[in-house]
């Protein structure tokens, strides 16, 4: 199982101990954790990058979301970038865990649509991370999508490519939405 860890690089300065503990806890219960984009860089590093390097960095983050089974985001520090990436993860159907320290809910929580794949973990001390995060991961594992492969004609493939390009959504997300719509409208299925 692969987990992507998201957090504010700017906010890392005051929360690095929490970030490290979250990554350590994730490594104990998962196969692989993508965290270098947060843990290896500082805000000064990002500020010094060329626009081209920033684009490559952003594309790599999007690729990591696609490759991940679960996304864990520490959202105590406000970050538009982290909020955007969380929204992308949710749109991709990834089970997502949002974590924050303290009693004040981050603004991001008021902007997201509730789903059974979205969990919020509030913690007040470091021990809460070690105690609660593994349980949240177990729940997220139960919500992971099942992979389903099938053959399509070149004509259908071309249409899905067109949809992906013009609507800017992955082909799998488009197909999933079509099936979910059919499930909601199918009265025979709803009665069971």
N, C-alpha and C. Protein backbone atom coordinates (compact mmCIF):
# COMPACT_ATOMS: atom_id res chain seq x y z
N UNK A 1 0.85 -1.18 0.00
CA UNK A 1 0.00 0.00 0.00
C UNK A 1 0.89 1.24 0.00
N UNK A 2 0.53 2.20 -0.83
CA UNK A 2 1.30 3.43 -0.98
C UNK A 2 0.50 4.60 -0.45
N UNK A 3 1.16 5.41 0.38
CA UNK A 3 0.51 6.57 0.99
C UNK A 3 1.27 7.83 0.61
N UNK A 4 0.52 8.86 0.23
CA UNK A 4 1.10 10.17 -0.05
C UNK A 4 0.86 11.06 1.16
N UNK A 5 1.93 11.68 1.67
CA UNK A 5 1.82 12.63 2.77
C UNK A 5 1.92 14.04 2.21
N UNK A 6 0.90 14.84 2.49
CA UNK A 6 0.87 16.25 2.09
C UNK A 6 0.90 17.13 3.33
N UNK A 7 1.59 18.25 3.23
CA UNK A 7 1.61 19.23 4.31
C UNK A 7 2.23 20.51 3.78
N UNK A 8 2.00 21.59 4.48
CA UNK A 8 2.54 22.88 4.08
C UNK A 8 4.05 22.91 4.32
N UNK A 9 4.81 23.18 3.26
CA UNK A 9 6.26 23.30 3.41
C UNK A 9 6.56 24.56 4.21
N UNK A 10 5.80 25.62 3.95
CA UNK A 10 5.98 26.86 4.71
C UNK A 10 5.68 26.62 6.19
N UNK A 11 4.66 25.83 6.49
CA UNK A 11 4.27 25.57 7.87
C UNK A 11 5.12 24.54 8.58
N UNK A 12 6.05 23.92 7.86
CA UNK A 12 6.88 22.87 8.45
C UNK A 12 7.75 23.40 9.57
N UNK A 13 8.15 24.65 9.47
CA UNK A 13 9.07 25.23 10.44
C UNK A 13 8.59 25.03 11.88
N UNK A 14 7.33 25.23 12.15
CA UNK A 14 6.82 25.07 13.50
C UNK A 14 6.22 23.71 13.79
N UNK A 15 6.16 22.84 12.78
CA UNK A 15 5.48 21.54 12.95
C UNK A 15 6.33 20.36 12.48
N UNK A 16 7.61 20.55 12.34
CA UNK A 16 8.45 19.49 11.78
C UNK A 16 8.42 18.23 12.63
N UNK A 17 8.35 18.36 13.94
CA UNK A 17 8.28 17.17 14.80
C UNK A 17 7.01 16.37 14.51
N UNK A 18 5.89 17.07 14.34
CA UNK A 18 4.63 16.38 14.00
C UNK A 18 4.75 15.71 12.63
N UNK A 19 5.30 16.43 11.65
CA UNK A 19 5.45 15.86 10.31
C UNK A 19 6.28 14.58 10.35
N UNK A 20 7.42 14.64 11.08
CA UNK A 20 8.28 13.46 11.18
C UNK A 20 7.56 12.30 11.84
N UNK A 21 6.81 12.58 12.89
CA UNK A 21 6.10 11.51 13.60
C UNK A 21 5.00 10.91 12.72
N UNK A 22 4.32 11.73 11.95
CA UNK A 22 3.29 11.22 11.04
C UNK A 22 3.93 10.29 10.02
N UNK A 23 5.03 10.70 9.41
CA UNK A 23 5.70 9.86 8.41
C UNK A 23 6.20 8.57 9.05
N UNK A 24 6.80 8.65 10.24
CA UNK A 24 7.27 7.44 10.94
C UNK A 24 6.11 6.50 11.22
N UNK A 25 5.00 7.03 11.66
CA UNK A 25 3.82 6.21 11.96
C UNK A 25 3.28 5.57 10.70
N UNK A 26 3.24 6.32 9.61
CA UNK A 26 2.78 5.76 8.34
C UNK A 26 3.69 4.63 7.86
N UNK A 27 5.00 4.80 8.03
CA UNK A 27 5.94 3.78 7.57
C UNK A 27 5.78 2.46 8.34
N UNK A 28 5.27 2.54 9.55
CA UNK A 28 5.06 1.32 10.35
C UNK A 28 3.87 0.50 9.85
N UNK A 29 2.92 1.16 9.19
CA UNK A 29 1.70 0.43 8.82
C UNK A 29 1.44 0.40 7.31
N UNK A 30 2.37 0.90 6.50
CA UNK A 30 2.18 0.89 5.05
C UNK A 30 3.46 0.45 4.36
N UNK A 31 3.34 0.13 3.10
CA UNK A 31 4.48 -0.35 2.31
C UNK A 31 5.42 0.79 1.91
N UNK A 32 4.84 1.89 1.49
CA UNK A 32 5.63 2.99 0.95
C UNK A 32 4.94 4.31 1.24
N UNK A 33 5.75 5.33 1.60
CA UNK A 33 5.21 6.66 1.88
C UNK A 33 5.94 7.67 1.00
N UNK A 34 5.17 8.41 0.20
CA UNK A 34 5.73 9.49 -0.59
C UNK A 34 5.70 10.75 0.27
N UNK A 35 6.88 11.20 0.71
CA UNK A 35 6.91 12.37 1.59
C UNK A 35 8.07 13.31 1.30
N UNK A 36 8.96 12.93 0.40
CA UNK A 36 10.15 13.74 0.14
C UNK A 36 9.82 15.17 -0.27
N UNK A 37 8.73 15.34 -1.02
CA UNK A 37 8.35 16.68 -1.50
C UNK A 37 8.07 17.63 -0.34
N UNK A 38 7.75 17.09 0.83
CA UNK A 38 7.53 17.92 2.02
C UNK A 38 8.77 17.92 2.91
N UNK A 39 9.32 16.74 3.15
CA UNK A 39 10.34 16.59 4.17
C UNK A 39 11.74 17.06 3.73
N UNK A 40 12.03 17.02 2.45
CA UNK A 40 13.39 17.35 1.99
C UNK A 40 13.58 18.81 1.58
N UNK A 41 12.50 19.57 1.51
CA UNK A 41 12.61 20.93 1.00
C UNK A 41 12.12 21.95 2.02
N UNK A 42 12.65 23.17 1.88
CA UNK A 42 12.20 24.29 2.70
C UNK A 42 11.54 25.31 1.79
N UNK A 43 10.90 26.28 2.41
CA UNK A 43 10.29 27.35 1.61
C UNK A 43 11.35 28.10 0.82
N UNK A 44 12.53 28.27 1.40
CA UNK A 44 13.63 28.94 0.68
C UNK A 44 14.03 28.17 -0.57
N UNK A 45 14.04 26.83 -0.47
CA UNK A 45 14.34 26.01 -1.66
C UNK A 45 13.33 26.30 -2.76
N UNK A 46 12.05 26.27 -2.39
CA UNK A 46 11.00 26.49 -3.39
C UNK A 46 11.10 27.88 -4.01
N UNK A 47 11.37 28.87 -3.17
CA UNK A 47 11.47 30.25 -3.67
C UNK A 47 12.62 30.41 -4.67
N UNK A 48 13.67 29.62 -4.52
CA UNK A 48 14.85 29.73 -5.39
C UNK A 48 14.68 28.98 -6.71
N UNK A 49 13.66 28.15 -6.83
CA UNK A 49 13.48 27.34 -8.03
C UNK A 49 13.03 28.19 -9.22
N UNK A 50 13.39 27.73 -10.40
CA UNK A 50 12.89 28.34 -11.63
C UNK A 50 11.44 27.91 -11.82
N UNK A 51 10.74 28.62 -12.68
CA UNK A 51 9.35 28.24 -12.98
C UNK A 51 9.28 26.83 -13.56
N UNK A 52 10.26 26.48 -14.38
CA UNK A 52 10.27 25.14 -14.98
C UNK A 52 10.38 24.06 -13.91
N UNK A 53 11.24 24.28 -12.93
CA UNK A 53 11.41 23.29 -11.85
C UNK A 53 10.13 23.19 -11.01
N UNK A 54 9.47 24.32 -10.80
CA UNK A 54 8.21 24.31 -10.05
C UNK A 54 7.14 23.50 -10.78
N UNK A 55 7.09 23.62 -12.11
CA UNK A 55 6.13 22.85 -12.91
C UNK A 55 6.42 21.36 -12.80
N UNK A 56 7.69 20.98 -12.89
CA UNK A 56 8.08 19.57 -12.76
C UNK A 56 7.69 19.05 -11.38
N UNK A 57 7.95 19.83 -10.35
CA UNK A 57 7.60 19.46 -8.97
C UNK A 57 6.09 19.23 -8.84
N UNK A 58 5.31 20.15 -9.40
CA UNK A 58 3.84 20.05 -9.34
C UNK A 58 3.35 18.80 -10.08
N UNK A 59 3.90 18.55 -11.26
CA UNK A 59 3.50 17.36 -12.03
C UNK A 59 3.84 16.08 -11.28
N UNK A 60 4.98 16.07 -10.59
CA UNK A 60 5.36 14.89 -9.82
C UNK A 60 4.39 14.67 -8.67
N UNK A 61 3.94 15.74 -8.03
CA UNK A 61 2.95 15.61 -6.96
C UNK A 61 1.65 15.02 -7.49
N UNK A 62 1.20 15.49 -8.63
CA UNK A 62 -0.03 14.94 -9.23
C UNK A 62 0.15 13.46 -9.57
N UNK A 63 1.32 13.11 -10.06
CA UNK A 63 1.60 11.70 -10.37
C UNK A 63 1.60 10.85 -9.09
N UNK A 64 2.14 11.41 -8.02
CA UNK A 64 2.15 10.69 -6.74
C UNK A 64 0.74 10.49 -6.20
N UNK A 65 -0.15 11.45 -6.43
CA UNK A 65 -1.54 11.27 -6.02
C UNK A 65 -2.14 10.09 -6.78
N UNK A 66 -1.89 10.04 -8.08
CA UNK A 66 -2.43 8.95 -8.90
C UNK A 66 -1.91 7.59 -8.44
N UNK A 67 -0.61 7.53 -8.10
CA UNK A 67 0.01 6.26 -7.70
C UNK A 67 -0.35 5.83 -6.29
N UNK A 68 -0.79 6.76 -5.47
CA UNK A 68 -1.06 6.47 -4.06
C UNK A 68 -2.39 5.76 -3.89
N UNK A 69 -2.45 4.93 -2.86
CA UNK A 69 -3.70 4.29 -2.49
C UNK A 69 -4.48 5.16 -1.51
N UNK A 70 -3.75 5.87 -0.66
CA UNK A 70 -4.33 6.71 0.39
C UNK A 70 -3.55 8.01 0.46
N UNK A 71 -4.23 9.10 0.80
CA UNK A 71 -3.57 10.40 0.98
C UNK A 71 -3.79 10.84 2.42
N UNK A 72 -2.70 11.24 3.07
CA UNK A 72 -2.76 11.79 4.43
C UNK A 72 -2.22 13.21 4.35
N UNK A 73 -2.99 14.17 4.83
CA UNK A 73 -2.58 15.58 4.78
C UNK A 73 -2.64 16.20 6.16
N UNK A 74 -1.54 16.84 6.57
CA UNK A 74 -1.52 17.60 7.81
C UNK A 74 -1.89 19.01 7.41
N UNK A 75 -3.05 19.50 7.90
CA UNK A 75 -3.61 20.76 7.42
C UNK A 75 -3.70 21.83 8.51
N UNK A 76 -2.89 21.71 9.56
CA UNK A 76 -2.92 22.72 10.62
C UNK A 76 -2.50 24.09 10.11
N UNK A 77 -1.53 24.12 9.21
CA UNK A 77 -1.07 25.37 8.61
C UNK A 77 -1.82 25.59 7.30
N UNK A 78 -2.38 26.78 7.15
CA UNK A 78 -3.15 27.09 5.94
C UNK A 78 -2.23 27.05 4.72
N UNK A 79 -2.69 26.41 3.66
CA UNK A 79 -1.93 26.33 2.43
C UNK A 79 -2.89 26.09 1.27
N UNK A 80 -2.93 27.02 0.34
CA UNK A 80 -3.79 26.86 -0.83
C UNK A 80 -3.33 25.65 -1.64
N UNK A 81 -2.01 25.46 -1.74
CA UNK A 81 -1.48 24.33 -2.51
C UNK A 81 -1.93 23.00 -1.93
N UNK A 82 -1.84 22.86 -0.61
CA UNK A 82 -2.26 21.61 0.03
C UNK A 82 -3.76 21.42 -0.15
N UNK A 83 -4.53 22.49 -0.01
CA UNK A 83 -5.97 22.39 -0.22
C UNK A 83 -6.30 21.94 -1.63
N UNK A 84 -5.58 22.48 -2.60
CA UNK A 84 -5.78 22.08 -4.00
C UNK A 84 -5.47 20.59 -4.18
N UNK A 85 -4.34 20.15 -3.65
CA UNK A 85 -3.93 18.75 -3.81
C UNK A 85 -4.89 17.80 -3.09
N UNK A 86 -5.41 18.21 -1.94
CA UNK A 86 -6.42 17.40 -1.24
C UNK A 86 -7.66 17.27 -2.12
N UNK A 87 -8.09 18.37 -2.73
CA UNK A 87 -9.26 18.33 -3.62
C UNK A 87 -9.02 17.40 -4.80
N UNK A 88 -7.82 17.44 -5.36
CA UNK A 88 -7.49 16.54 -6.48
C UNK A 88 -7.57 15.09 -6.01
N UNK A 89 -7.01 14.80 -4.84
CA UNK A 89 -7.04 13.43 -4.32
C UNK A 89 -8.47 12.95 -4.13
N UNK A 90 -9.32 13.81 -3.60
CA UNK A 90 -10.72 13.44 -3.39
C UNK A 90 -11.41 13.22 -4.74
N UNK A 91 -11.13 14.10 -5.70
CA UNK A 91 -11.71 13.93 -7.05
C UNK A 91 -11.26 12.62 -7.69
N UNK A 92 -10.04 12.19 -7.40
CA UNK A 92 -9.54 10.91 -7.92
C UNK A 92 -10.10 9.72 -7.15
N UNK A 93 -10.90 9.99 -6.12
CA UNK A 93 -11.51 8.90 -5.35
C UNK A 93 -10.57 8.28 -4.33
N UNK A 94 -9.53 8.98 -3.93
CA UNK A 94 -8.57 8.43 -2.97
C UNK A 94 -9.09 8.60 -1.55
N UNK A 95 -9.03 7.54 -0.75
CA UNK A 95 -9.33 7.72 0.67
C UNK A 95 -8.35 8.76 1.22
N UNK A 96 -8.86 9.75 1.92
CA UNK A 96 -8.05 10.88 2.36
C UNK A 96 -8.26 11.14 3.84
N UNK A 97 -7.15 11.30 4.55
CA UNK A 97 -7.18 11.60 5.98
C UNK A 97 -6.60 12.99 6.17
N UNK A 98 -7.39 13.89 6.75
CA UNK A 98 -6.92 15.24 7.06
C UNK A 98 -6.63 15.30 8.55
N UNK A 99 -5.44 15.77 8.90
CA UNK A 99 -5.03 15.84 10.30
C UNK A 99 -4.76 17.30 10.67
N UNK A 100 -5.14 17.65 11.90
CA UNK A 100 -4.78 18.98 12.38
C UNK A 100 -4.61 18.94 13.89
N UNK A 101 -3.72 19.81 14.39
CA UNK A 101 -3.43 19.88 15.82
C UNK A 101 -4.24 21.02 16.43
N UNK A 102 -4.82 20.74 17.60
CA UNK A 102 -5.51 21.78 18.35
C UNK A 102 -7.01 21.73 18.20
N UNK A 103 -7.66 22.77 18.71
CA UNK A 103 -9.12 22.82 18.71
C UNK A 103 -9.71 23.62 17.56
N UNK A 104 -8.89 24.43 16.91
CA UNK A 104 -9.40 25.28 15.83
C UNK A 104 -9.38 24.52 14.51
N UNK A 105 -10.58 24.29 13.95
CA UNK A 105 -10.67 23.60 12.66
C UNK A 105 -10.10 24.47 11.55
N UNK A 106 -9.27 23.91 10.70
CA UNK A 106 -8.77 24.67 9.55
C UNK A 106 -9.90 25.03 8.59
N UNK A 107 -9.77 26.15 7.91
CA UNK A 107 -10.79 26.60 6.95
C UNK A 107 -11.05 25.57 5.86
N UNK A 108 -10.04 24.80 5.50
CA UNK A 108 -10.18 23.80 4.45
C UNK A 108 -11.34 22.85 4.73
N UNK A 109 -11.57 22.54 5.99
CA UNK A 109 -12.61 21.57 6.34
C UNK A 109 -14.01 22.07 5.98
N UNK A 110 -14.18 23.37 5.93
CA UNK A 110 -15.51 23.90 5.59
C UNK A 110 -15.76 23.93 4.09
N UNK A 111 -14.72 23.70 3.30
CA UNK A 111 -14.87 23.81 1.84
C UNK A 111 -15.00 22.46 1.15
N UNK A 112 -14.82 21.38 1.87
CA UNK A 112 -14.84 20.05 1.25
C UNK A 112 -16.19 19.37 1.43
N UNK A 113 -16.60 18.64 0.41
CA UNK A 113 -17.85 17.88 0.47
C UNK A 113 -17.60 16.60 1.25
N UNK A 114 -18.47 16.31 2.20
CA UNK A 114 -18.32 15.10 3.01
C UNK A 114 -18.49 13.86 2.14
N UNK A 115 -17.65 12.88 2.38
CA UNK A 115 -17.70 11.61 1.68
C UNK A 115 -17.20 10.53 2.63
N UNK A 116 -17.58 9.29 2.37
CA UNK A 116 -17.13 8.23 3.26
C UNK A 116 -15.64 7.94 3.10
N UNK A 117 -15.01 8.52 2.10
CA UNK A 117 -13.57 8.35 1.91
C UNK A 117 -12.75 9.46 2.57
N UNK A 118 -13.42 10.43 3.17
CA UNK A 118 -12.73 11.56 3.81
C UNK A 118 -12.86 11.44 5.32
N UNK A 119 -11.72 11.41 6.00
CA UNK A 119 -11.71 11.35 7.46
C UNK A 119 -10.94 12.56 7.99
N UNK A 120 -11.33 13.00 9.17
CA UNK A 120 -10.65 14.12 9.82
C UNK A 120 -10.16 13.65 11.18
N UNK A 121 -8.86 13.81 11.42
CA UNK A 121 -8.23 13.39 12.67
C UNK A 121 -7.67 14.62 13.37
N UNK A 122 -8.30 14.96 14.48
CA UNK A 122 -7.80 16.06 15.31
C UNK A 122 -6.90 15.46 16.38
N UNK A 123 -5.75 16.07 16.59
CA UNK A 123 -4.86 15.59 17.64
C UNK A 123 -4.39 16.77 18.48
N UNK A 124 -4.16 16.50 19.76
CA UNK A 124 -3.71 17.58 20.64
C UNK A 124 -2.28 17.34 21.14
N UNK A 125 -1.83 16.09 21.04
CA UNK A 125 -0.46 15.78 21.46
C UNK A 125 0.12 14.71 20.53
N UNK A 126 1.41 14.58 20.55
CA UNK A 126 2.09 13.65 19.65
C UNK A 126 1.62 12.22 19.82
N UNK A 127 1.31 11.83 21.04
CA UNK A 127 0.87 10.46 21.30
C UNK A 127 -0.42 10.14 20.54
N UNK A 128 -1.25 11.15 20.31
CA UNK A 128 -2.49 10.94 19.56
C UNK A 128 -2.20 10.45 18.13
N UNK A 129 -1.12 10.96 17.55
CA UNK A 129 -0.75 10.55 16.19
C UNK A 129 -0.46 9.05 16.17
N UNK A 130 0.40 8.61 17.09
CA UNK A 130 0.80 7.20 17.12
C UNK A 130 -0.37 6.28 17.47
N UNK A 131 -1.28 6.77 18.28
CA UNK A 131 -2.41 5.94 18.73
C UNK A 131 -3.52 5.91 17.68
N UNK A 132 -3.88 7.05 17.13
CA UNK A 132 -5.07 7.14 16.28
C UNK A 132 -4.82 6.93 14.79
N UNK A 133 -3.69 7.40 14.27
CA UNK A 133 -3.46 7.33 12.83
C UNK A 133 -3.53 5.90 12.28
N UNK A 134 -2.95 4.89 12.95
CA UNK A 134 -3.08 3.53 12.40
C UNK A 134 -4.53 3.06 12.26
N UNK A 135 -5.41 3.47 13.17
CA UNK A 135 -6.82 3.10 13.06
C UNK A 135 -7.48 3.79 11.87
N UNK A 136 -7.13 5.03 11.64
CA UNK A 136 -7.67 5.77 10.49
C UNK A 136 -7.18 5.14 9.19
N UNK A 137 -5.93 4.69 9.18
CA UNK A 137 -5.39 4.01 7.99
C UNK A 137 -6.18 2.74 7.72
N UNK A 138 -6.48 1.97 8.76
CA UNK A 138 -7.25 0.73 8.58
C UNK A 138 -8.61 1.02 7.95
N UNK A 139 -9.27 2.07 8.42
CA UNK A 139 -10.56 2.45 7.85
C UNK A 139 -10.39 2.85 6.38
N UNK A 140 -9.35 3.63 6.09
CA UNK A 140 -9.10 4.08 4.72
C UNK A 140 -8.84 2.89 3.79
N UNK A 141 -8.15 1.88 4.29
CA UNK A 141 -7.88 0.69 3.47
C UNK A 141 -9.20 0.05 3.04
N UNK A 142 -10.17 0.02 3.94
CA UNK A 142 -11.48 -0.55 3.61
C UNK A 142 -12.21 0.26 2.54
N UNK A 143 -11.84 1.53 2.37
CA UNK A 143 -12.51 2.41 1.41
C UNK A 143 -11.76 2.53 0.08
N UNK A 144 -10.64 1.82 -0.04
CA UNK A 144 -9.87 1.89 -1.28
C UNK A 144 -10.66 1.29 -2.43
N UNK A 145 -10.48 1.87 -3.60
CA UNK A 145 -11.14 1.36 -4.79
C UNK A 145 -10.57 0.01 -5.19
N UNK A 146 -11.41 -0.78 -5.82
CA UNK A 146 -10.99 -2.07 -6.36
C UNK A 146 -10.61 -1.85 -7.82
N UNK A 147 -9.48 -2.37 -8.20
CA UNK A 147 -9.04 -2.22 -9.60
C UNK A 147 -9.83 -3.19 -10.48
N UNK A 148 -10.29 -2.67 -11.62
CA UNK A 148 -11.09 -3.46 -12.55
C UNK A 148 -10.65 -3.12 -13.97
N UNK A 149 -10.08 -4.07 -14.66
CA UNK A 149 -9.59 -3.86 -16.03
C UNK A 149 -10.51 -4.55 -17.02
N UNK A 150 -10.71 -3.93 -18.18
CA UNK A 150 -11.48 -4.57 -19.24
C UNK A 150 -11.05 -3.99 -20.58
N UNK A 151 -11.37 -4.71 -21.64
CA UNK A 151 -11.00 -4.28 -22.98
C UNK A 151 -12.08 -3.39 -23.57
N UNK A 152 -11.63 -2.38 -24.34
CA UNK A 152 -12.55 -1.48 -25.03
C UNK A 152 -12.12 -1.37 -26.49
N UNK A 153 -13.04 -0.94 -27.32
CA UNK A 153 -12.72 -0.76 -28.74
C UNK A 153 -11.88 0.51 -28.90
N UNK A 154 -11.16 0.63 -30.01
CA UNK A 154 -10.40 1.86 -30.27
C UNK A 154 -11.30 3.09 -30.30
N UNK A 155 -12.53 2.92 -30.78
CA UNK A 155 -13.47 4.04 -30.85
C UNK A 155 -13.81 4.54 -29.44
N UNK A 156 -14.07 3.61 -28.51
CA UNK A 156 -14.36 4.01 -27.13
C UNK A 156 -13.11 4.63 -26.50
N UNK A 157 -11.95 4.06 -26.78
CA UNK A 157 -10.70 4.62 -26.26
C UNK A 157 -10.48 6.04 -26.73
N UNK A 158 -10.76 6.29 -28.00
CA UNK A 158 -10.61 7.65 -28.54
C UNK A 158 -11.57 8.61 -27.86
N UNK A 159 -12.81 8.15 -27.62
CA UNK A 159 -13.78 9.00 -26.95
C UNK A 159 -13.33 9.31 -25.51
N UNK A 160 -12.86 8.30 -24.80
CA UNK A 160 -12.39 8.52 -23.42
C UNK A 160 -11.19 9.46 -23.39
N UNK A 161 -10.31 9.34 -24.37
CA UNK A 161 -9.18 10.28 -24.47
C UNK A 161 -9.68 11.70 -24.69
N UNK A 162 -10.69 11.86 -25.55
CA UNK A 162 -11.27 13.17 -25.82
C UNK A 162 -11.89 13.74 -24.55
N UNK A 163 -12.66 12.92 -23.83
CA UNK A 163 -13.29 13.37 -22.57
C UNK A 163 -12.21 13.80 -21.58
N UNK A 164 -11.18 12.98 -21.44
CA UNK A 164 -10.11 13.28 -20.50
C UNK A 164 -9.43 14.61 -20.84
N UNK A 165 -9.17 14.83 -22.11
CA UNK A 165 -8.50 16.06 -22.54
C UNK A 165 -9.40 17.28 -22.38
N UNK A 166 -10.65 17.17 -22.82
CA UNK A 166 -11.53 18.34 -22.85
C UNK A 166 -12.21 18.63 -21.52
N UNK A 167 -12.50 17.61 -20.74
CA UNK A 167 -13.14 17.83 -19.44
C UNK A 167 -12.13 17.83 -18.30
N UNK A 168 -10.88 17.48 -18.65
CA UNK A 168 -9.79 17.48 -17.68
C UNK A 168 -10.06 16.59 -16.48
N UNK A 169 -10.57 15.41 -16.77
CA UNK A 169 -10.74 14.40 -15.72
C UNK A 169 -10.18 13.09 -16.24
N UNK A 170 -9.61 12.29 -15.36
CA UNK A 170 -9.10 10.99 -15.80
C UNK A 170 -10.21 10.12 -16.37
N UNK A 171 -9.83 9.25 -17.28
CA UNK A 171 -10.81 8.36 -17.91
C UNK A 171 -11.53 7.52 -16.86
N UNK A 172 -10.79 7.01 -15.89
CA UNK A 172 -11.39 6.16 -14.85
C UNK A 172 -12.42 6.93 -14.03
N UNK A 173 -12.13 8.20 -13.74
CA UNK A 173 -13.09 9.01 -12.98
C UNK A 173 -14.36 9.21 -13.79
N UNK A 174 -14.22 9.47 -15.09
CA UNK A 174 -15.39 9.64 -15.96
C UNK A 174 -16.23 8.37 -15.96
N UNK A 175 -15.60 7.21 -16.14
CA UNK A 175 -16.34 5.95 -16.16
C UNK A 175 -17.00 5.67 -14.81
N UNK A 176 -16.28 5.96 -13.73
CA UNK A 176 -16.84 5.74 -12.39
C UNK A 176 -18.09 6.59 -12.20
N UNK A 177 -18.03 7.84 -12.64
CA UNK A 177 -19.20 8.73 -12.50
C UNK A 177 -20.39 8.25 -13.32
N UNK A 178 -20.12 7.74 -14.52
CA UNK A 178 -21.20 7.18 -15.34
C UNK A 178 -21.88 6.01 -14.63
N UNK A 179 -21.08 5.13 -14.07
CA UNK A 179 -21.63 3.96 -13.38
C UNK A 179 -22.39 4.39 -12.13
N UNK A 180 -21.83 5.34 -11.37
CA UNK A 180 -22.52 5.81 -10.16
C UNK A 180 -23.85 6.47 -10.52
N UNK A 181 -23.88 7.21 -11.61
CA UNK A 181 -25.13 7.84 -12.05
C UNK A 181 -26.15 6.76 -12.40
N UNK A 182 -25.73 5.75 -13.12
CA UNK A 182 -26.63 4.65 -13.48
C UNK A 182 -27.13 3.92 -12.22
N UNK A 183 -26.25 3.72 -11.25
CA UNK A 183 -26.65 3.07 -10.00
C UNK A 183 -27.73 3.88 -9.29
N UNK A 184 -27.56 5.19 -9.26
CA UNK A 184 -28.53 6.06 -8.59
C UNK A 184 -29.87 6.09 -9.30
N UNK A 185 -29.85 5.96 -10.62
CA UNK A 185 -31.08 6.04 -11.40
C UNK A 185 -31.76 4.69 -11.61
N UNK A 186 -31.09 3.60 -11.34
CA UNK A 186 -31.62 2.26 -11.56
C UNK A 186 -32.52 1.86 -10.40
N UNK A 187 -33.82 1.85 -10.61
CA UNK A 187 -34.78 1.57 -9.54
C UNK A 187 -34.70 0.12 -9.06
N UNK A 188 -34.44 -0.81 -9.96
CA UNK A 188 -34.31 -2.21 -9.56
C UNK A 188 -33.16 -2.39 -8.58
N UNK A 189 -32.02 -1.73 -8.87
CA UNK A 189 -30.86 -1.84 -7.99
C UNK A 189 -31.15 -1.17 -6.64
N UNK A 190 -31.82 -0.04 -6.66
CA UNK A 190 -32.11 0.70 -5.43
C UNK A 190 -33.02 -0.08 -4.49
N UNK A 191 -33.86 -0.96 -5.03
CA UNK A 191 -34.80 -1.72 -4.20
C UNK A 191 -34.12 -2.86 -3.46
N UNK A 192 -32.97 -3.29 -3.92
CA UNK A 192 -32.28 -4.43 -3.27
C UNK A 192 -31.56 -4.02 -2.03
